[in-house]
mmCIF file of all heavy atoms, coordinates in Angstrom:
data_MODEL
# 
_entry.id   MODEL 
# 
loop_
_atom_site.group_PDB 
_atom_site.id 
_atom_site.type_symbol 
_atom_site.label_atom_id 
_atom_site.label_alt_id 
_atom_site.label_comp_id 
_atom_site.label_asym_id 
_atom_site.label_entity_id 
_atom_site.label_seq_id 
_atom_site.pdbx_PDB_ins_code 
_atom_site.Cartn_x 
_atom_site.Cartn_y 
_atom_site.Cartn_z 
_atom_site.occupancy 
_atom_site.B_iso_or_equiv 
_atom_site.pdbx_formal_charge 
_atom_site.auth_seq_id 
_atom_site.auth_comp_id 
_atom_site.auth_asym_id 
_atom_site.auth_atom_id 
_atom_site.pdbx_PDB_model_num 
ATOM 1   N N   . ASP A 1 1  ? 32.842 18.885 15.234 1.00 0.00 ? 1  ASP A N   1 
ATOM 2   C CA  . ASP A 1 1  ? 31.865 19.379 16.192 1.00 0.00 ? 1  ASP A CA  1 
ATOM 3   C C   . ASP A 1 1  ? 30.392 19.343 15.704 1.00 0.00 ? 1  ASP A C   1 
ATOM 4   O O   . ASP A 1 1  ? 29.538 19.817 16.431 1.00 0.00 ? 1  ASP A O   1 
ATOM 5   C CB  . ASP A 1 1  ? 32.315 20.795 16.650 1.00 0.00 ? 1  ASP A CB  1 
ATOM 6   C CG  . ASP A 1 1  ? 33.644 20.852 17.348 1.00 0.00 ? 1  ASP A CG  1 
ATOM 7   O OD1 . ASP A 1 1  ? 34.014 19.724 17.921 1.00 0.00 ? 1  ASP A OD1 1 
ATOM 8   O OD2 . ASP A 1 1  ? 34.318 21.841 17.124 1.00 0.00 ? 1  ASP A OD2 1 
ATOM 9   N N   . GLU A 1 2  ? 30.138 18.815 14.537 1.00 0.00 ? 2  GLU A N   1 
ATOM 10  C CA  . GLU A 1 2  ? 28.837 18.880 14.059 1.00 0.00 ? 2  GLU A CA  1 
ATOM 11  C C   . GLU A 1 2  ? 27.824 18.130 14.872 1.00 0.00 ? 2  GLU A C   1 
ATOM 12  O O   . GLU A 1 2  ? 28.303 16.946 15.359 1.00 0.00 ? 2  GLU A O   1 
ATOM 13  C CB  . GLU A 1 2  ? 28.755 18.403 12.614 1.00 0.00 ? 2  GLU A CB  1 
ATOM 14  C CG  . GLU A 1 2  ? 29.538 19.198 11.539 1.00 0.00 ? 2  GLU A CG  1 
ATOM 15  C CD  . GLU A 1 2  ? 30.882 18.579 11.213 1.00 0.00 ? 2  GLU A CD  1 
ATOM 16  O OE1 . GLU A 1 2  ? 31.439 17.881 12.241 1.00 0.00 ? 2  GLU A OE1 1 
ATOM 17  O OE2 . GLU A 1 2  ? 31.427 18.693 10.152 1.00 0.00 ? 2  GLU A OE2 1 
ATOM 18  N N   . GLN A 1 3  ? 26.703 18.645 15.122 1.00 0.00 ? 3  GLN A N   1 
ATOM 19  C CA  . GLN A 1 3  ? 25.665 17.958 15.962 1.00 0.00 ? 3  GLN A CA  1 
ATOM 20  C C   . GLN A 1 3  ? 24.739 17.301 14.929 1.00 0.00 ? 3  GLN A C   1 
ATOM 21  O O   . GLN A 1 3  ? 24.176 17.941 14.132 1.00 0.00 ? 3  GLN A O   1 
ATOM 22  C CB  . GLN A 1 3  ? 24.977 18.866 16.839 1.00 0.00 ? 3  GLN A CB  1 
ATOM 23  C CG  . GLN A 1 3  ? 25.855 19.529 17.933 1.00 0.00 ? 3  GLN A CG  1 
ATOM 24  C CD  . GLN A 1 3  ? 26.347 18.456 18.943 1.00 0.00 ? 3  GLN A CD  1 
ATOM 25  O OE1 . GLN A 1 3  ? 25.529 17.569 19.309 1.00 0.00 ? 3  GLN A OE1 1 
ATOM 26  N NE2 . GLN A 1 3  ? 27.628 18.564 19.321 1.00 0.00 ? 3  GLN A NE2 1 
ATOM 27  N N   . LEU A 1 4  ? 24.496 15.897 15.102 1.00 0.00 ? 4  LEU A N   1 
ATOM 28  C CA  . LEU A 1 4  ? 23.515 15.248 14.271 1.00 0.00 ? 4  LEU A CA  1 
ATOM 29  C C   . LEU A 1 4  ? 22.108 15.745 14.766 1.00 0.00 ? 4  LEU A C   1 
ATOM 30  O O   . LEU A 1 4  ? 21.915 15.708 15.932 1.00 0.00 ? 4  LEU A O   1 
ATOM 31  C CB  . LEU A 1 4  ? 23.663 13.802 14.427 1.00 0.00 ? 4  LEU A CB  1 
ATOM 32  C CG  . LEU A 1 4  ? 24.931 13.181 13.854 1.00 0.00 ? 4  LEU A CG  1 
ATOM 33  C CD1 . LEU A 1 4  ? 24.977 11.657 14.149 1.00 0.00 ? 4  LEU A CD1 1 
ATOM 34  C CD2 . LEU A 1 4  ? 24.910 13.367 12.291 1.00 0.00 ? 4  LEU A CD2 1 
ATOM 35  N N   . GLN A 1 5  ? 21.284 16.079 13.890 1.00 0.00 ? 5  GLN A N   1 
ATOM 36  C CA  . GLN A 1 5  ? 19.938 16.421 14.245 1.00 0.00 ? 5  GLN A CA  1 
ATOM 37  C C   . GLN A 1 5  ? 19.009 15.264 13.928 1.00 0.00 ? 5  GLN A C   1 
ATOM 38  O O   . GLN A 1 5  ? 18.544 14.992 12.845 1.00 0.00 ? 5  GLN A O   1 
ATOM 39  C CB  . GLN A 1 5  ? 19.518 17.677 13.352 1.00 0.00 ? 5  GLN A CB  1 
ATOM 40  C CG  . GLN A 1 5  ? 20.380 18.892 13.675 1.00 0.00 ? 5  GLN A CG  1 
ATOM 41  C CD  . GLN A 1 5  ? 19.848 20.154 12.907 1.00 0.00 ? 5  GLN A CD  1 
ATOM 42  O OE1 . GLN A 1 5  ? 18.685 20.172 12.481 1.00 0.00 ? 5  GLN A OE1 1 
ATOM 43  N NE2 . GLN A 1 5  ? 20.736 21.116 12.721 1.00 0.00 ? 5  GLN A NE2 1 
ATOM 44  N N   . ILE A 1 6  ? 18.688 14.579 15.081 1.00 0.00 ? 6  ILE A N   1 
ATOM 45  C CA  . ILE A 1 6  ? 17.793 13.430 15.013 1.00 0.00 ? 6  ILE A CA  1 
ATOM 46  C C   . ILE A 1 6  ? 16.556 13.732 15.914 1.00 0.00 ? 6  ILE A C   1 
ATOM 47  O O   . ILE A 1 6  ? 16.709 14.173 17.123 1.00 0.00 ? 6  ILE A O   1 
ATOM 48  C CB  . ILE A 1 6  ? 18.580 12.222 15.550 1.00 0.00 ? 6  ILE A CB  1 
ATOM 49  C CG1 . ILE A 1 6  ? 19.823 11.953 14.612 1.00 0.00 ? 6  ILE A CG1 1 
ATOM 50  C CG2 . ILE A 1 6  ? 17.628 10.976 15.395 1.00 0.00 ? 6  ILE A CG2 1 
ATOM 51  C CD1 . ILE A 1 6  ? 20.735 10.856 15.137 1.00 0.00 ? 6  ILE A CD1 1 
ATOM 52  N N   . GLN A 1 7  ? 15.470 13.341 15.411 1.00 0.00 ? 7  GLN A N   1 
ATOM 53  C CA  . GLN A 1 7  ? 14.200 13.606 16.208 1.00 0.00 ? 7  GLN A CA  1 
ATOM 54  C C   . GLN A 1 7  ? 13.283 12.424 15.866 1.00 0.00 ? 7  GLN A C   1 
ATOM 55  O O   . GLN A 1 7  ? 13.411 11.665 14.830 1.00 0.00 ? 7  GLN A O   1 
ATOM 56  C CB  . GLN A 1 7  ? 13.631 14.886 15.740 1.00 0.00 ? 7  GLN A CB  1 
ATOM 57  C CG  . GLN A 1 7  ? 13.291 14.989 14.328 1.00 0.00 ? 7  GLN A CG  1 
ATOM 58  C CD  . GLN A 1 7  ? 13.148 16.396 13.782 1.00 0.00 ? 7  GLN A CD  1 
ATOM 59  O OE1 . GLN A 1 7  ? 13.665 17.323 14.451 1.00 0.00 ? 7  GLN A OE1 1 
ATOM 60  N NE2 . GLN A 1 7  ? 12.337 16.614 12.794 1.00 0.00 ? 7  GLN A NE2 1 
ATOM 61  N N   . LYS A 1 8  ? 12.237 12.283 16.655 1.00 0.00 ? 8  LYS A N   1 
ATOM 62  C CA  . LYS A 1 8  ? 11.242 11.272 16.404 1.00 0.00 ? 8  LYS A CA  1 
ATOM 63  C C   . LYS A 1 8  ? 10.422 11.715 15.119 1.00 0.00 ? 8  LYS A C   1 
ATOM 64  O O   . LYS A 1 8  ? 10.140 12.887 15.012 1.00 0.00 ? 8  LYS A O   1 
ATOM 65  C CB  . LYS A 1 8  ? 10.300 11.087 17.562 1.00 0.00 ? 8  LYS A CB  1 
ATOM 66  C CG  . LYS A 1 8  ? 10.905 10.427 18.776 1.00 0.00 ? 8  LYS A CG  1 
ATOM 67  C CD  . LYS A 1 8  ? 9.854  10.182 19.901 1.00 0.00 ? 8  LYS A CD  1 
ATOM 68  C CE  . LYS A 1 8  ? 10.578 9.397  21.033 1.00 0.00 ? 8  LYS A CE  1 
ATOM 69  N NZ  . LYS A 1 8  ? 9.550  9.137  22.072 1.00 0.00 ? 8  LYS A NZ  1 
ATOM 70  N N   . THR A 1 9  ? 10.052 10.764 14.266 1.00 0.00 ? 9  THR A N   1 
ATOM 71  C CA  . THR A 1 9  ? 9.441  11.055 13.143 1.00 0.00 ? 9  THR A CA  1 
ATOM 72  C C   . THR A 1 9  ? 8.020  11.624 13.385 1.00 0.00 ? 9  THR A C   1 
ATOM 73  O O   . THR A 1 9  ? 7.293  11.055 14.200 1.00 0.00 ? 9  THR A O   1 
ATOM 74  C CB  . THR A 1 9  ? 9.309  9.856  12.214 1.00 0.00 ? 9  THR A CB  1 
ATOM 75  O OG1 . THR A 1 9  ? 10.524 9.304  11.986 1.00 0.00 ? 9  THR A OG1 1 
ATOM 76  C CG2 . THR A 1 9  ? 8.631  10.085 10.890 1.00 0.00 ? 9  THR A CG2 1 
ATOM 77  N N   . ARG A 1 10 ? 7.612  12.581 12.678 1.00 0.00 ? 10 ARG A N   1 
ATOM 78  C CA  . ARG A 1 10 ? 6.285  13.220 12.885 1.00 0.00 ? 10 ARG A CA  1 
ATOM 79  C C   . ARG A 1 10 ? 5.254  12.150 12.460 1.00 0.00 ? 10 ARG A C   1 
ATOM 80  O O   . ARG A 1 10 ? 5.381  11.336 11.583 1.00 0.00 ? 10 ARG A O   1 
ATOM 81  C CB  . ARG A 1 10 ? 6.152  14.466 12.049 1.00 0.00 ? 10 ARG A CB  1 
ATOM 82  C CG  . ARG A 1 10 ? 6.944  15.699 12.534 1.00 0.00 ? 10 ARG A CG  1 
ATOM 83  C CD  . ARG A 1 10 ? 7.148  16.691 11.551 1.00 0.00 ? 10 ARG A CD  1 
ATOM 84  N NE  . ARG A 1 10 ? 5.835  17.267 11.135 1.00 0.00 ? 10 ARG A NE  1 
ATOM 85  C CZ  . ARG A 1 10 ? 5.694  18.285 10.305 1.00 0.00 ? 10 ARG A CZ  1 
ATOM 86  N NH1 . ARG A 1 10 ? 6.854  18.803 9.743  1.00 0.00 ? 10 ARG A NH1 1 
ATOM 87  N NH2 . ARG A 1 10 ? 4.441  18.747 9.919  1.00 0.00 ? 10 ARG A NH2 1 
ATOM 88  N N   . LYS A 1 11 ? 4.048  12.291 13.073 1.00 0.00 ? 11 LYS A N   1 
ATOM 89  C CA  . LYS A 1 11 ? 3.044  11.228 12.907 1.00 0.00 ? 11 LYS A CA  1 
ATOM 90  C C   . LYS A 1 11 ? 2.493  11.087 11.483 1.00 0.00 ? 11 LYS A C   1 
ATOM 91  O O   . LYS A 1 11 ? 2.123  9.979  11.158 1.00 0.00 ? 11 LYS A O   1 
ATOM 92  C CB  . LYS A 1 11 ? 1.856  11.583 13.862 1.00 0.00 ? 11 LYS A CB  1 
ATOM 93  C CG  . LYS A 1 11 ? 2.173  11.389 15.393 1.00 0.00 ? 11 LYS A CG  1 
ATOM 94  C CD  . LYS A 1 11 ? 0.974  11.761 16.285 1.00 0.00 ? 11 LYS A CD  1 
ATOM 95  C CE  . LYS A 1 11 ? 1.361  11.611 17.748 1.00 0.00 ? 11 LYS A CE  1 
ATOM 96  N NZ  . LYS A 1 11 ? 0.188  11.923 18.638 1.00 0.00 ? 11 LYS A NZ  1 
ATOM 97  N N   . GLU A 1 12 ? 2.516  12.181 10.741 1.00 0.00 ? 12 GLU A N   1 
ATOM 98  C CA  . GLU A 1 12 ? 1.979  12.157 9.505  1.00 0.00 ? 12 GLU A CA  1 
ATOM 99  C C   . GLU A 1 12 ? 2.933  11.358 8.358  1.00 0.00 ? 12 GLU A C   1 
ATOM 100 O O   . GLU A 1 12 ? 2.525  11.152 7.335  1.00 0.00 ? 12 GLU A O   1 
ATOM 101 C CB  . GLU A 1 12 ? 1.668  13.466 8.823  1.00 0.00 ? 12 GLU A CB  1 
ATOM 102 C CG  . GLU A 1 12 ? 2.780  14.466 8.843  1.00 0.00 ? 12 GLU A CG  1 
ATOM 103 C CD  . GLU A 1 12 ? 2.920  15.282 9.998  1.00 0.00 ? 12 GLU A CD  1 
ATOM 104 O OE1 . GLU A 1 12 ? 2.538  14.892 11.211 1.00 0.00 ? 12 GLU A OE1 1 
ATOM 105 O OE2 . GLU A 1 12 ? 3.195  16.468 9.956  1.00 0.00 ? 12 GLU A OE2 1 
ATOM 106 N N   . PHE A 1 13 ? 4.092  11.111 8.796  1.00 0.00 ? 13 PHE A N   1 
ATOM 107 C CA  . PHE A 1 13 ? 5.115  10.350 7.992  1.00 0.00 ? 13 PHE A CA  1 
ATOM 108 C C   . PHE A 1 13 ? 5.457  8.908  8.539  1.00 0.00 ? 13 PHE A C   1 
ATOM 109 O O   . PHE A 1 13 ? 5.297  8.671  9.691  1.00 0.00 ? 13 PHE A O   1 
ATOM 110 C CB  . PHE A 1 13 ? 6.420  11.166 7.868  1.00 0.00 ? 13 PHE A CB  1 
ATOM 111 C CG  . PHE A 1 13 ? 6.168  12.517 7.310  1.00 0.00 ? 13 PHE A CG  1 
ATOM 112 C CD1 . PHE A 1 13 ? 6.410  13.626 8.063  1.00 0.00 ? 13 PHE A CD1 1 
ATOM 113 C CD2 . PHE A 1 13 ? 5.719  12.699 5.956  1.00 0.00 ? 13 PHE A CD2 1 
ATOM 114 C CE1 . PHE A 1 13 ? 6.251  14.959 7.575  1.00 0.00 ? 13 PHE A CE1 1 
ATOM 115 C CE2 . PHE A 1 13 ? 5.481  14.024 5.471  1.00 0.00 ? 13 PHE A CE2 1 
ATOM 116 C CZ  . PHE A 1 13 ? 5.737  15.167 6.299  1.00 0.00 ? 13 PHE A CZ  1 
ATOM 117 N N   . GLU A 1 14 ? 5.771  8.120  7.672  1.00 0.00 ? 14 GLU A N   1 
ATOM 118 C CA  . GLU A 1 14 ? 6.192  6.745  8.052  1.00 0.00 ? 14 GLU A CA  1 
ATOM 119 C C   . GLU A 1 14 ? 7.729  6.771  8.598  1.00 0.00 ? 14 GLU A C   1 
ATOM 120 O O   . GLU A 1 14 ? 8.553  7.366  7.968  1.00 0.00 ? 14 GLU A O   1 
ATOM 121 C CB  . GLU A 1 14 ? 6.172  5.806  6.813  1.00 0.00 ? 14 GLU A CB  1 
ATOM 122 C CG  . GLU A 1 14 ? 6.346  4.310  7.184  1.00 0.00 ? 14 GLU A CG  1 
ATOM 123 C CD  . GLU A 1 14 ? 6.287  3.439  5.921  1.00 0.00 ? 14 GLU A CD  1 
ATOM 124 O OE1 . GLU A 1 14 ? 5.861  3.966  4.901  1.00 0.00 ? 14 GLU A OE1 1 
ATOM 125 O OE2 . GLU A 1 14 ? 6.633  2.224  6.099  1.00 0.00 ? 14 GLU A OE2 1 
ATOM 126 N N   . GLY A 1 15 ? 7.858  6.099  9.698  1.00 0.00 ? 15 GLY A N   1 
ATOM 127 C CA  . GLY A 1 15 ? 9.153  5.985  10.355 1.00 0.00 ? 15 GLY A CA  1 
ATOM 128 C C   . GLY A 1 15 ? 9.161  6.123  11.781 1.00 0.00 ? 15 GLY A C   1 
ATOM 129 O O   . GLY A 1 15 ? 8.067  6.548  12.324 1.00 0.00 ? 15 GLY A O   1 
ATOM 130 N N   . ASP A 1 16 ? 10.220 5.856  12.445 1.00 0.00 ? 16 ASP A N   1 
ATOM 131 C CA  . ASP A 1 16 ? 10.479 5.973  13.909 1.00 0.00 ? 16 ASP A CA  1 
ATOM 132 C C   . ASP A 1 16 ? 11.264 7.226  14.229 1.00 0.00 ? 16 ASP A C   1 
ATOM 133 O O   . ASP A 1 16 ? 10.862 7.888  15.201 1.00 0.00 ? 16 ASP A O   1 
ATOM 134 C CB  . ASP A 1 16 ? 10.923 4.708  14.443 1.00 0.00 ? 16 ASP A CB  1 
ATOM 135 C CG  . ASP A 1 16 ? 10.121 3.520  14.151 1.00 0.00 ? 16 ASP A CG  1 
ATOM 136 O OD1 . ASP A 1 16 ? 8.894  3.536  14.533 1.00 0.00 ? 16 ASP A OD1 1 
ATOM 137 O OD2 . ASP A 1 16 ? 10.637 2.556  13.551 1.00 0.00 ? 16 ASP A OD2 1 
ATOM 138 N N   . TYR A 1 17 ? 12.385 7.360  13.558 1.00 0.00 ? 17 TYR A N   1 
ATOM 139 C CA  . TYR A 1 17 ? 13.223 8.454  13.835 1.00 0.00 ? 17 TYR A CA  1 
ATOM 140 C C   . TYR A 1 17 ? 13.649 9.155  12.561 1.00 0.00 ? 17 TYR A C   1 
ATOM 141 O O   . TYR A 1 17 ? 13.802 8.454  11.442 1.00 0.00 ? 17 TYR A O   1 
ATOM 142 C CB  . TYR A 1 17 ? 14.553 8.040  14.568 1.00 0.00 ? 17 TYR A CB  1 
ATOM 143 C CG  . TYR A 1 17 ? 14.194 7.612  16.038 1.00 0.00 ? 17 TYR A CG  1 
ATOM 144 C CD1 . TYR A 1 17 ? 13.860 6.348  16.419 1.00 0.00 ? 17 TYR A CD1 1 
ATOM 145 C CD2 . TYR A 1 17 ? 14.303 8.620  16.991 1.00 0.00 ? 17 TYR A CD2 1 
ATOM 146 C CE1 . TYR A 1 17 ? 13.472 6.105  17.679 1.00 0.00 ? 17 TYR A CE1 1 
ATOM 147 C CE2 . TYR A 1 17 ? 13.882 8.314  18.393 1.00 0.00 ? 17 TYR A CE2 1 
ATOM 148 C CZ  . TYR A 1 17 ? 13.508 6.954  18.635 1.00 0.00 ? 17 TYR A CZ  1 
ATOM 149 O OH  . TYR A 1 17 ? 13.183 6.718  19.944 1.00 0.00 ? 17 TYR A OH  1 
ATOM 150 N N   . THR A 1 18 ? 13.975 10.472 12.553 1.00 0.00 ? 18 THR A N   1 
ATOM 151 C CA  . THR A 1 18 ? 14.295 11.260 11.383 1.00 0.00 ? 18 THR A CA  1 
ATOM 152 C C   . THR A 1 18 ? 15.641 11.923 11.452 1.00 0.00 ? 18 THR A C   1 
ATOM 153 O O   . THR A 1 18 ? 15.879 12.574 12.620 1.00 0.00 ? 18 THR A O   1 
ATOM 154 C CB  . THR A 1 18 ? 13.133 12.328 11.148 1.00 0.00 ? 18 THR A CB  1 
ATOM 155 O OG1 . THR A 1 18 ? 11.941 11.615 10.913 1.00 0.00 ? 18 THR A OG1 1 
ATOM 156 C CG2 . THR A 1 18 ? 13.445 13.219 9.924  1.00 0.00 ? 18 THR A CG2 1 
ATOM 157 N N   . LEU A 1 19 ? 16.478 11.778 10.522 1.00 0.00 ? 19 LEU A N   1 
ATOM 158 C CA  . LEU A 1 19 ? 17.695 12.551 10.467 1.00 0.00 ? 19 LEU A CA  1 
ATOM 159 C C   . LEU A 1 19 ? 17.533 13.722 9.560  1.00 0.00 ? 19 LEU A C   1 
ATOM 160 O O   . LEU A 1 19 ? 17.162 13.566 8.366  1.00 0.00 ? 19 LEU A O   1 
ATOM 161 C CB  . LEU A 1 19 ? 18.822 11.651 9.949  1.00 0.00 ? 19 LEU A CB  1 
ATOM 162 C CG  . LEU A 1 19 ? 20.161 12.304 9.591  1.00 0.00 ? 19 LEU A CG  1 
ATOM 163 C CD1 . LEU A 1 19 ? 20.758 12.822 10.951 1.00 0.00 ? 19 LEU A CD1 1 
ATOM 164 C CD2 . LEU A 1 19 ? 21.066 11.341 8.896  1.00 0.00 ? 19 LEU A CD2 1 
ATOM 165 N N   . VAL A 1 20 ? 17.892 14.897 10.078 1.00 0.00 ? 20 VAL A N   1 
ATOM 166 C CA  . VAL A 1 20 ? 17.881 16.133 9.143  1.00 0.00 ? 20 VAL A CA  1 
ATOM 167 C C   . VAL A 1 20 ? 19.214 16.224 8.544  1.00 0.00 ? 20 VAL A C   1 
ATOM 168 O O   . VAL A 1 20 ? 20.299 16.294 9.160  1.00 0.00 ? 20 VAL A O   1 
ATOM 169 C CB  . VAL A 1 20 ? 17.588 17.312 10.027 1.00 0.00 ? 20 VAL A CB  1 
ATOM 170 C CG1 . VAL A 1 20 ? 17.622 18.592 9.119  1.00 0.00 ? 20 VAL A CG1 1 
ATOM 171 C CG2 . VAL A 1 20 ? 16.313 17.212 10.805 1.00 0.00 ? 20 VAL A CG2 1 
ATOM 172 N N   . THR A 1 21 ? 19.269 16.174 7.147  1.00 0.00 ? 21 THR A N   1 
ATOM 173 C CA  . THR A 1 21 ? 20.484 15.996 6.446  1.00 0.00 ? 21 THR A CA  1 
ATOM 174 C C   . THR A 1 21 ? 21.180 17.392 6.077  1.00 0.00 ? 21 THR A C   1 
ATOM 175 O O   . THR A 1 21 ? 22.321 17.343 5.691  1.00 0.00 ? 21 THR A O   1 
ATOM 176 C CB  . THR A 1 21 ? 20.408 15.136 5.185  1.00 0.00 ? 21 THR A CB  1 
ATOM 177 O OG1 . THR A 1 21 ? 19.439 15.818 4.331  1.00 0.00 ? 21 THR A OG1 1 
ATOM 178 C CG2 . THR A 1 21 ? 19.787 13.732 5.546  1.00 0.00 ? 21 THR A CG2 1 
ATOM 179 N N   . PHE A 1 22 ? 20.464 18.383 6.114  1.00 0.00 ? 22 PHE A N   1 
ATOM 180 C CA  . PHE A 1 22 ? 20.946 19.744 5.605  1.00 0.00 ? 22 PHE A CA  1 
ATOM 181 C C   . PHE A 1 22 ? 22.371 20.073 6.281  1.00 0.00 ? 22 PHE A C   1 
ATOM 182 O O   . PHE A 1 22 ? 23.229 20.570 5.506  1.00 0.00 ? 22 PHE A O   1 
ATOM 183 C CB  . PHE A 1 22 ? 19.960 20.847 5.912  1.00 0.00 ? 22 PHE A CB  1 
ATOM 184 C CG  . PHE A 1 22 ? 18.746 20.615 5.139  1.00 0.00 ? 22 PHE A CG  1 
ATOM 185 C CD1 . PHE A 1 22 ? 17.568 20.194 5.871  1.00 0.00 ? 22 PHE A CD1 1 
ATOM 186 C CD2 . PHE A 1 22 ? 18.576 20.822 3.814  1.00 0.00 ? 22 PHE A CD2 1 
ATOM 187 C CE1 . PHE A 1 22 ? 16.375 20.004 5.183  1.00 0.00 ? 22 PHE A CE1 1 
ATOM 188 C CE2 . PHE A 1 22 ? 17.367 20.662 3.129  1.00 0.00 ? 22 PHE A CE2 1 
ATOM 189 C CZ  . PHE A 1 22 ? 16.262 20.189 3.836  1.00 0.00 ? 22 PHE A CZ  1 
ATOM 190 N N   . PRO A 1 23 ? 22.624 19.804 7.602  1.00 0.00 ? 23 PRO A N   1 
ATOM 191 C CA  . PRO A 1 23 ? 23.920 20.129 8.218  1.00 0.00 ? 23 PRO A CA  1 
ATOM 192 C C   . PRO A 1 23 ? 25.076 19.292 7.561  1.00 0.00 ? 23 PRO A C   1 
ATOM 193 O O   . PRO A 1 23 ? 26.148 19.673 7.799  1.00 0.00 ? 23 PRO A O   1 
ATOM 194 C CB  . PRO A 1 23 ? 23.740 19.900 9.613  1.00 0.00 ? 23 PRO A CB  1 
ATOM 195 C CG  . PRO A 1 23 ? 22.287 19.902 9.851  1.00 0.00 ? 23 PRO A CG  1 
ATOM 196 C CD  . PRO A 1 23 ? 21.600 19.382 8.648  1.00 0.00 ? 23 PRO A CD  1 
ATOM 197 N N   . LEU A 1 24 ? 24.684 18.229 6.853  1.00 0.00 ? 24 LEU A N   1 
ATOM 198 C CA  . LEU A 1 24 ? 25.756 17.242 6.339  1.00 0.00 ? 24 LEU A CA  1 
ATOM 199 C C   . LEU A 1 24 ? 26.052 17.668 4.882  1.00 0.00 ? 24 LEU A C   1 
ATOM 200 O O   . LEU A 1 24 ? 26.921 16.931 4.281  1.00 0.00 ? 24 LEU A O   1 
ATOM 201 C CB  . LEU A 1 24 ? 25.190 15.797 6.459  1.00 0.00 ? 24 LEU A CB  1 
ATOM 202 C CG  . LEU A 1 24 ? 24.903 15.379 7.912  1.00 0.00 ? 24 LEU A CG  1 
ATOM 203 C CD1 . LEU A 1 24 ? 24.247 13.999 7.888  1.00 0.00 ? 24 LEU A CD1 1 
ATOM 204 C CD2 . LEU A 1 24 ? 26.139 15.383 8.780  1.00 0.00 ? 24 LEU A CD2 1 
ATOM 205 N N   . LEU A 1 25 ? 25.495 18.531 4.204  1.00 0.00 ? 25 LEU A N   1 
ATOM 206 C CA  . LEU A 1 25 ? 25.664 18.685 2.792  1.00 0.00 ? 25 LEU A CA  1 
ATOM 207 C C   . LEU A 1 25 ? 26.972 19.189 2.443  1.00 0.00 ? 25 LEU A C   1 
ATOM 208 O O   . LEU A 1 25 ? 27.507 18.819 1.399  1.00 0.00 ? 25 LEU A O   1 
ATOM 209 C CB  . LEU A 1 25 ? 24.635 19.734 2.197  1.00 0.00 ? 25 LEU A CB  1 
ATOM 210 C CG  . LEU A 1 25 ? 23.146 19.289 2.505  1.00 0.00 ? 25 LEU A CG  1 
ATOM 211 C CD1 . LEU A 1 25 ? 22.253 20.314 1.786  1.00 0.00 ? 25 LEU A CD1 1 
ATOM 212 C CD2 . LEU A 1 25 ? 22.778 17.936 1.991  1.00 0.00 ? 25 LEU A CD2 1 
ATOM 213 N N   . ARG A 1 26 ? 27.635 19.894 3.374  1.00 0.00 ? 26 ARG A N   1 
ATOM 214 C CA  . ARG A 1 26 ? 29.001 20.416 3.153  1.00 0.00 ? 26 ARG A CA  1 
ATOM 215 C C   . ARG A 1 26 ? 29.957 19.163 3.093  1.00 0.00 ? 26 ARG A C   1 
ATOM 216 O O   . ARG A 1 26 ? 30.903 19.305 2.287  1.00 0.00 ? 26 ARG A O   1 
ATOM 217 C CB  . ARG A 1 26 ? 29.435 21.344 4.296  1.00 0.00 ? 26 ARG A CB  1 
ATOM 218 C CG  . ARG A 1 26 ? 30.805 21.868 4.207  1.00 0.00 ? 26 ARG A CG  1 
ATOM 219 C CD  . ARG A 1 26 ? 31.032 22.921 5.361  1.00 0.00 ? 26 ARG A CD  1 
ATOM 220 N NE  . ARG A 1 26 ? 30.950 22.263 6.679  1.00 0.00 ? 26 ARG A NE  1 
ATOM 221 C CZ  . ARG A 1 26 ? 31.819 21.664 7.352  1.00 0.00 ? 26 ARG A CZ  1 
ATOM 222 N NH1 . ARG A 1 26 ? 33.052 21.490 6.707  1.00 0.00 ? 26 ARG A NH1 1 
ATOM 223 N NH2 . ARG A 1 26 ? 31.749 21.123 8.493  1.00 0.00 ? 26 ARG A NH2 1 
ATOM 224 N N   . ARG A 1 27 ? 29.628 18.010 3.671  1.00 0.00 ? 27 ARG A N   1 
ATOM 225 C CA  . ARG A 1 27 ? 30.493 16.891 3.611  1.00 0.00 ? 27 ARG A CA  1 
ATOM 226 C C   . ARG A 1 27 ? 30.178 15.997 2.494  1.00 0.00 ? 27 ARG A C   1 
ATOM 227 O O   . ARG A 1 27 ? 31.029 15.460 1.785  1.00 0.00 ? 27 ARG A O   1 
ATOM 228 C CB  . ARG A 1 27 ? 30.368 16.110 4.964  1.00 0.00 ? 27 ARG A CB  1 
ATOM 229 C CG  . ARG A 1 27 ? 31.135 16.871 6.131  1.00 0.00 ? 27 ARG A CG  1 
ATOM 230 C CD  . ARG A 1 27 ? 30.963 16.011 7.415  1.00 0.00 ? 27 ARG A CD  1 
ATOM 231 N NE  . ARG A 1 27 ? 31.794 16.520 8.478  1.00 0.00 ? 27 ARG A NE  1 
ATOM 232 C CZ  . ARG A 1 27 ? 33.051 16.231 8.657  1.00 0.00 ? 27 ARG A CZ  1 
ATOM 233 N NH1 . ARG A 1 27 ? 33.681 15.448 7.750  1.00 0.00 ? 27 ARG A NH1 1 
ATOM 234 N NH2 . ARG A 1 27 ? 33.797 16.741 9.653  1.00 0.00 ? 27 ARG A NH2 1 
ATOM 235 N N   . SER A 1 28 ? 28.799 15.712 2.279  1.00 0.00 ? 28 SER A N   1 
ATOM 236 C CA  . SER A 1 28 ? 28.399 14.905 1.167  1.00 0.00 ? 28 SER A CA  1 
ATOM 237 C C   . SER A 1 28 ? 28.579 15.522 -0.241 1.00 0.00 ? 28 SER A C   1 
ATOM 238 O O   . SER A 1 28 ? 28.785 14.787 -1.202 1.00 0.00 ? 28 SER A O   1 
ATOM 239 C CB  . SER A 1 28 ? 26.934 14.556 1.495  1.00 0.00 ? 28 SER A CB  1 
ATOM 240 O OG  . SER A 1 28 ? 26.035 15.558 1.066  1.00 0.00 ? 28 SER A OG  1 
ATOM 241 N N   . ARG A 1 29 ? 28.497 16.819 -0.309 1.00 0.00 ? 29 ARG A N   1 
ATOM 242 C CA  . ARG A 1 29 ? 28.625 17.521 -1.554 1.00 0.00 ? 29 ARG A CA  1 
ATOM 243 C C   . ARG A 1 29 ? 27.484 17.073 -2.555 1.00 0.00 ? 29 ARG A C   1 
ATOM 244 O O   . ARG A 1 29 ? 27.687 16.958 -3.771 1.00 0.00 ? 29 ARG A O   1 
ATOM 245 C CB  . ARG A 1 29 ? 29.973 17.443 -2.204 1.00 0.00 ? 29 ARG A CB  1 
ATOM 246 C CG  . ARG A 1 29 ? 31.096 17.995 -1.368 1.00 0.00 ? 29 ARG A CG  1 
ATOM 247 C CD  . ARG A 1 29 ? 32.375 17.929 -2.002 1.00 0.00 ? 29 ARG A CD  1 
ATOM 248 N NE  . ARG A 1 29 ? 33.519 18.396 -1.101 1.00 0.00 ? 29 ARG A NE  1 
ATOM 249 C CZ  . ARG A 1 29 ? 33.769 19.713 -0.932 1.00 0.00 ? 29 ARG A CZ  1 
ATOM 250 N NH1 . ARG A 1 29 ? 33.063 20.656 -1.566 1.00 0.00 ? 29 ARG A NH1 1 
ATOM 251 N NH2 . ARG A 1 29 ? 34.759 20.022 -0.175 1.00 0.00 ? 29 ARG A NH2 1 
# 
């Protein structure tokens, strides 16, 4: 049921879309 947290990359950083990885740490260890 985990929701991927994806958002448009903030203007001060390079990129188009940003994935927030903190909710995935339980799986990646």
